Amino acid sequence: MNNISFTPHFELREFVISQTARGHGLDNTPPDEAVENLRALCVHTLEPLRMALGLPIIITSGYRCKALNRLLVHSSDHSQHMDGCAADFYVGHTESTKNTENSVASRRGLLIKAFRQIILDNSIAFDQCIIYPAFIHVSYVSRDKNRRKLIRGFANGSYCALTRAQALVLV
């Protein structure tokens, strides 16, 4: 697959690499519509967040073909990942902070900083944003109105919808 640059900080390959797919012999190549959805997610959500934070955003899961999605624990048959509208990520470290912020607590702190930025920055468009203990799931839809839905996800697979005020208290 030829790599496509979506924005200055995001490329297609970040959203399709999957050790699970590779291990099961699955072709996780997205169709053209999913590629365009990933581009929109980068342009409207991830790149503005990256610029606001000034820190790398590390994609852990992006596009998932249906077969790959079914292999994952707690995945949904309606997952926005299958349409290329969603990504899971954590916030990385710059070289200058890598050695001083290398703990789980500091990684969680960066995640909370990103979640707060998404909530407060109206220039960051999103459909739903779920904060988990170790990563954030964010989605963007081009065809419909983005709901700006906030959710807290737990390691056991349960969820709790949050109002904006509840989300800000959480972080």
C-alpha atoms as a PDB file:
ATOM      1  CA  MET A   1       0.000   0.000   0.000  1.00  0.00           C
ATOM      2  CA  ASN A   2       1.374   3.393  -0.924  1.00  0.00           C
ATOM      3  CA  ASN A   3       1.512   5.700   2.047  1.00  0.00           C
ATOM      4  CA  ILE A   4      -0.656   8.783   1.969  1.00  0.00           C
ATOM      5  CA  SER A   5       0.055  11.898   4.010  1.00  0.00           C
ATOM      6  CA  PHE A   6      -3.160  13.294   5.498  1.00  0.00           C
ATOM      7  CA  THR A   7      -1.726  16.258   7.417  1.00  0.00           C
ATOM      8  CA  PRO A   8       1.760  17.370   8.491  1.00  0.00           C
ATOM      9  CA  HIS A   9       1.716  14.907  11.417  1.00  0.00           C
ATOM     10  CA  PHE A  10      -0.430  11.973  10.256  1.00  0.00           C
ATOM     11  CA  GLU A  11      -0.090   9.352   7.529  1.00  0.00           C
ATOM     12  CA  LEU A  12      -2.340   6.507   6.411  1.00  0.00           C
ATOM     13  CA  ARG A  13       0.069   3.777   7.525  1.00  0.00           C
ATOM     14  CA  GLU A  14      -0.389   4.810  11.196  1.00  0.00           C
ATOM     15  CA  PHE A  15      -4.071   3.927  10.956  1.00  0.00           C
ATOM     16  CA  VAL A  16      -3.850   0.517   9.259  1.00  0.00           C
ATOM     17  CA  ILE A  17      -0.891  -1.216  10.926  1.00  0.00           C
ATOM     18  CA  SER A  18      -2.171  -4.054  13.092  1.00  0.00           C
ATOM     19  CA  GLN A  19      -0.168  -6.876  14.624  1.00  0.00           C
ATOM     20  CA  THR A  20      -3.437  -8.716  15.248  1.00  0.00           C
ATOM     21  CA  ALA A  21      -4.387  -8.502  11.553  1.00  0.00           C
ATOM     22  CA  ARG A  22      -0.912  -9.587  10.492  1.00  0.00           C
ATOM     23  CA  GLY A  23      -0.937 -12.476  12.969  1.00  0.00           C
ATOM     24  CA  HIS A  24      -4.262 -13.718  11.607  1.00  0.00           C
ATOM     25  CA  GLY A  25      -3.351 -13.195   7.951  1.00  0.00           C
ATOM     26  CA  LEU A  26      -5.958 -10.445   7.482  1.00  0.00           C
ATOM     27  CA  ASP A  27      -5.753  -7.737   4.825  1.00  0.00           C
ATOM     28  CA  ASN A  28      -6.514  -4.509   6.704  1.00  0.00           C
ATOM     29  CA  THR A  29      -6.371  -2.294   3.598  1.00  0.00           C
ATOM     30  CA  PRO A  30      -9.136   0.309   3.858  1.00  0.00           C
ATOM     31  CA  PRO A  31     -11.503   1.058   0.979  1.00  0.00           C
ATOM     32  CA  ASP A  32     -11.356   4.535  -0.570  1.00  0.00           C
ATOM     33  CA  GLU A  33     -14.289   5.834   1.490  1.00  0.00           C
ATOM     34  CA  ALA A  34     -12.572   4.808   4.744  1.00  0.00           C
ATOM     35  CA  VAL A  35      -9.357   6.517   3.595  1.00  0.00           C
ATOM     36  CA  GLU A  36     -11.302   9.744   3.043  1.00  0.00           C
ATOM     37  CA  ASN A  37     -12.939   9.374   6.464  1.00  0.00           C
ATOM     38  CA  LEU A  38      -9.496   8.943   8.049  1.00  0.00           C
ATOM     39  CA  ARG A  39      -8.326  12.071   6.238  1.00  0.00           C
ATOM     40  CA  ALA A  40     -11.298  14.021   7.654  1.00  0.00           C
ATOM     41  CA  LEU A  41     -10.571  12.676  11.156  1.00  0.00           C
ATOM     42  CA  CYS A  42      -6.981  13.899  10.859  1.00  0.00           C
ATOM     43  CA  VAL A  43      -7.866  17.305   9.393  1.00  0.00           C
ATOM     44  CA  HIS A  44     -10.739  18.163  11.756  1.00  0.00           C
ATOM     45  CA  THR A  45      -9.755  16.390  14.973  1.00  0.00           C
ATOM     46  CA  LEU A  46      -6.292  14.909  15.342  1.00  0.00           C
ATOM     47  CA  GLU A  47      -4.141  17.575  13.663  1.00  0.00           C
ATOM     48  CA  PRO A  48      -5.827  20.464  15.553  1.00  0.00           C
ATOM     49  CA  LEU A  49      -5.334  18.498  18.795  1.00  0.00           C
ATOM     50  CA  ARG A  50      -1.681  17.789  17.934  1.00  0.00           C
ATOM     51  CA  MET A  51      -1.053  21.467  17.231  1.00  0.00           C
ATOM     52  CA  ALA A  52      -2.793  22.595  20.433  1.00  0.00           C
ATOM     53  CA  LEU A  53      -0.849  20.156  22.611  1.00  0.00           C
ATOM     54  CA  GLY A  54       2.499  20.525  20.890  1.00  0.00           C
ATOM     55  CA  LEU A  55       3.081  16.829  21.593  1.00  0.00           C
ATOM     56  CA  PRO A  56       3.013  13.720  19.394  1.00  0.00           C
ATOM     57  CA  ILE A  57      -0.193  11.713  19.198  1.00  0.00           C
ATOM     58  CA  ILE A  58       0.513   8.002  18.915  1.00  0.00           C
ATOM     59  CA  ILE A  59      -2.198   6.049  17.087  1.00  0.00           C
ATOM     60  CA  THR A  60      -2.766   2.600  18.585  1.00  0.00           C
ATOM     61  CA  SER A  61      -5.803   1.643  16.498  1.00  0.00           C
ATOM     62  CA  GLY A  62      -7.351   3.264  13.450  1.00  0.00           C
ATOM     63  CA  TYR A  63      -9.083   1.558  10.551  1.00  0.00           C
ATOM     64  CA  ARG A  64     -10.246  -2.000  11.232  1.00  0.00           C
ATOM     65  CA  CYS A  65     -11.655  -4.347   8.627  1.00  0.00           C
ATOM     66  CA  LYS A  66     -14.723  -6.244   9.858  1.00  0.00           C
ATOM     67  CA  ALA A  67     -12.781  -9.470  10.477  1.00  0.00           C
ATOM     68  CA  LEU A  68     -10.146  -7.635  12.540  1.00  0.00           C
ATOM     69  CA  ASN A  69     -12.768  -5.768  14.549  1.00  0.00           C
ATOM     70  CA  ARG A  70     -14.469  -9.056  15.498  1.00  0.00           C
ATOM     71  CA  LEU A  71     -11.212 -10.401  16.937  1.00  0.00           C
ATOM     72  CA  LEU A  72     -10.867  -7.584  19.455  1.00  0.00           C
ATOM     73  CA  VAL A  73     -12.227  -7.724  23.007  1.00  0.00           C
ATOM     74  CA  HIS A  74     -15.016  -5.222  23.739  1.00  0.00           C
ATOM     75  CA  SER A  75     -15.393  -4.277  20.062  1.00  0.00           C
ATOM     76  CA  SER A  76     -18.788  -3.400  18.626  1.00  0.00           C
ATOM     77  CA  ASP A  77     -20.422  -4.531  15.390  1.00  0.00           C
ATOM     78  CA  HIS A  78     -21.151  -0.825  14.859  1.00  0.00           C
ATOM     79  CA  SER A  79     -17.617   0.386  15.535  1.00  0.00           C
ATOM     80  CA  GLN A  80     -16.704   3.629  13.802  1.00  0.00           C
ATOM     81  CA  HIS A  81     -13.235   2.118  13.282  1.00  0.00           C
ATOM     82  CA  MET A  82     -14.685  -0.052  10.484  1.00  0.00           C
ATOM     83  CA  ASP A  83     -15.657   3.084   8.528  1.00  0.00           C
ATOM     84  CA  GLY A  84     -12.348   4.865   9.154  1.00  0.00           C
ATOM     85  CA  CYS A  85     -14.075   7.452  11.342  1.00  0.00           C
ATOM     86  CA  ALA A  86     -12.282   6.634  14.625  1.00  0.00           C
ATOM     87  CA  ALA A  87      -8.864   6.279  16.183  1.00  0.00           C
ATOM     88  CA  ASP A  88      -7.485   5.279  19.559  1.00  0.00           C
ATOM     89  CA  PHE A  89      -4.378   7.073  20.757  1.00  0.00           C
ATOM     90  CA  TYR A  90      -2.172   8.151  23.600  1.00  0.00           C
ATOM     91  CA  VAL A  91      -0.070  11.275  23.851  1.00  0.00           C
ATOM     92  CA  GLY A  92       3.649  10.718  23.310  1.00  0.00           C
ATOM     93  CA  HIS A  93       6.620  12.452  24.773  1.00  0.00           C
ATOM     94  CA  THR A  94       8.904  14.947  23.102  1.00  0.00           C
ATOM     95  CA  GLU A  95      12.622  14.211  23.357  1.00  0.00           C
ATOM     96  CA  SER A  96      13.012  16.946  26.003  1.00  0.00           C
ATOM     97  CA  THR A  97      10.393  15.398  28.312  1.00  0.00           C
ATOM     98  CA  LYS A  98      10.983  11.728  27.560  1.00  0.00           C
ATOM     99  CA  ASN A  99      13.274  11.085  30.534  1.00  0.00           C
ATOM    100  CA  THR A 100      11.456  13.256  33.071  1.00  0.00           C
ATOM    101  CA  GLU A 101       7.896  12.109  32.261  1.00  0.00           C
ATOM    102  CA  ASN A 102       8.357   8.404  31.778  1.00  0.00           C
ATOM    103  CA  SER A 103       5.946   7.069  34.402  1.00  0.00           C
ATOM    104  CA  VAL A 104       2.420   5.725  34.063  1.00  0.00           C
ATOM    105  CA  ALA A 105       1.174   8.708  36.093  1.00  0.00           C
ATOM    106  CA  SER A 106       2.699  11.222  33.694  1.00  0.00           C
ATOM    107  CA  ARG A 107       1.317   9.327  30.672  1.00  0.00           C
ATOM    108  CA  ARG A 108      -2.128   9.442  32.298  1.00  0.00           C
ATOM    109  CA  GLY A 109      -1.578  13.161  32.961  1.00  0.00           C
ATOM    110  CA  LEU A 110      -0.900  13.762  29.256  1.00  0.00           C
ATOM    111  CA  LEU A 111      -4.015  11.767  28.381  1.00  0.00           C
ATOM    112  CA  ILE A 112      -6.106  13.920  30.710  1.00  0.00           C
ATOM    113  CA  LYS A 113      -4.542  17.049  29.219  1.00  0.00           C
ATOM    114  CA  ALA A 114      -5.562  15.868  25.733  1.00  0.00           C
ATOM    115  CA  PHE A 115      -9.098  14.985  26.866  1.00  0.00           C
ATOM    116  CA  ARG A 116      -9.485  18.399  28.462  1.00  0.00           C
ATOM    117  CA  GLN A 117      -8.189  20.096  25.288  1.00  0.00           C
ATOM    118  CA  ILE A 118     -10.731  18.218  23.180  1.00  0.00           C
ATOM    119  CA  ILE A 119     -13.550  19.245  25.523  1.00  0.00           C
ATOM    120  CA  LEU A 120     -12.626  22.928  25.775  1.00  0.00           C
ATOM    121  CA  ASP A 121     -11.335  23.682  22.256  1.00  0.00           C
ATOM    122  CA  ASN A 122     -14.299  24.280  19.953  1.00  0.00           C
ATOM    123  CA  SER A 123     -12.006  24.189  16.912  1.00  0.00           C
ATOM    124  CA  ILE A 124     -11.485  20.469  17.532  1.00  0.00           C
ATOM    125  CA  ALA A 125     -14.473  18.742  15.954  1.00  0.00           C
ATOM    126  CA  PHE A 126     -15.485  15.262  17.124  1.00  0.00           C
ATOM    127  CA  ASP A 127     -18.446  12.934  17.176  1.00  0.00           C
ATOM    128  CA  GLN A 128     -17.540  11.047  20.319  1.00  0.00           C
ATOM    129  CA  CYS A 129     -14.612  11.058  22.682  1.00  0.00           C
ATOM    130  CA  ILE A 130     -14.077   8.231  25.141  1.00  0.00           C
ATOM    131  CA  ILE A 131     -11.393   8.402  27.808  1.00  0.00           C
ATOM    132  CA  TYR A 132     -10.122   5.028  28.970  1.00  0.00           C
ATOM    133  CA  PRO A 133      -7.487   4.417  31.647  1.00  0.00           C
ATOM    134  CA  ALA A 134      -4.636   4.197  29.090  1.00  0.00           C
ATOM    135  CA  PHE A 135      -5.896   5.771  25.844  1.00  0.00           C
ATOM    136  CA  ILE A 136      -8.485   8.000  24.187  1.00  0.00           C
ATOM    137  CA  HIS A 137     -10.919   6.959  21.454  1.00  0.00           C
ATOM    138  CA  VAL A 138     -12.054   9.826  19.241  1.00  0.00           C
ATOM    139  CA  SER A 139     -14.232   9.879  16.152  1.00  0.00           C
ATOM    140  CA  TYR A 140     -15.321  12.331  13.481  1.00  0.00           C
ATOM    141  CA  VAL A 141     -18.127  11.904  10.959  1.00  0.00           C
ATOM    142  CA  SER A 142     -18.290  13.822   7.698  1.00  0.00           C
ATOM    143  CA  ARG A 143     -21.843  12.989   6.652  1.00  0.00           C
ATOM    144  CA  ASP A 144     -23.692  13.772   9.864  1.00  0.00           C
ATOM    145  CA  LYS A 145     -23.540  16.362  12.590  1.00  0.00           C
ATOM    146  CA  ASN A 146     -20.811  15.561  15.095  1.00  0.00           C
ATOM    147  CA  ARG A 147     -22.451  15.071  18.501  1.00  0.00           C
ATOM    148  CA  ARG A 148     -19.500  16.009  20.760  1.00  0.00           C
ATOM    149  CA  LYS A 149     -20.508  13.048  22.922  1.00  0.00           C
ATOM    150  CA  LEU A 150     -18.289  12.479  25.987  1.00  0.00           C
ATOM    151  CA  ILE A 151     -17.900   9.054  27.567  1.00  0.00           C
ATOM    152  CA  ARG A 152     -15.786   7.413  30.225  1.00  0.00           C
ATOM    153  CA  GLY A 153     -14.710   3.883  29.355  1.00  0.00           C
ATOM    154  CA  PHE A 154     -13.599   1.336  31.902  1.00  0.00           C
ATOM    155  CA  ALA A 155     -11.174  -1.575  31.520  1.00  0.00           C
ATOM    156  CA  ASN A 156     -14.018  -4.079  32.019  1.00  0.00           C
ATOM    157  CA  GLY A 157     -15.823  -2.823  28.898  1.00  0.00           C
ATOM    158  CA  SER A 158     -18.482  -0.745  30.635  1.00  0.00           C
ATOM    159  CA  TYR A 159     -19.188   2.897  29.808  1.00  0.00           C
ATOM    160  CA  CYS A 160     -20.610   5.994  31.439  1.00  0.00           C
ATOM    161  CA  ALA A 161     -21.939   8.946  29.423  1.00  0.00           C
ATOM    162  CA  LEU A 162     -20.691  12.305  30.679  1.00  0.00           C
ATOM    163  CA  THR A 163     -21.971  15.828  30.452  1.00  0.00           C
ATOM    164  CA  ARG A 164     -19.361  18.461  29.646  1.00  0.00           C
ATOM    165  CA  ALA A 165     -19.377  19.567  33.299  1.00  0.00           C
ATOM    166  CA  GLN A 166     -18.930  15.987  34.549  1.00  0.00           C
ATOM    167  CA  ALA A 167     -16.085  15.411  32.097  1.00  0.00           C
ATOM    168  CA  LEU A 168     -14.274  18.537  33.259  1.00  0.00           C
ATOM    169  CA  VAL A 169     -14.607  17.478  36.908  1.00  0.00           C
ATOM    170  CA  LEU A 170     -13.305  14.029  35.981  1.00  0.00           C
ATOM    171  CA  VAL A 171     -10.145  15.525  34.558  1.00  0.00           C
END
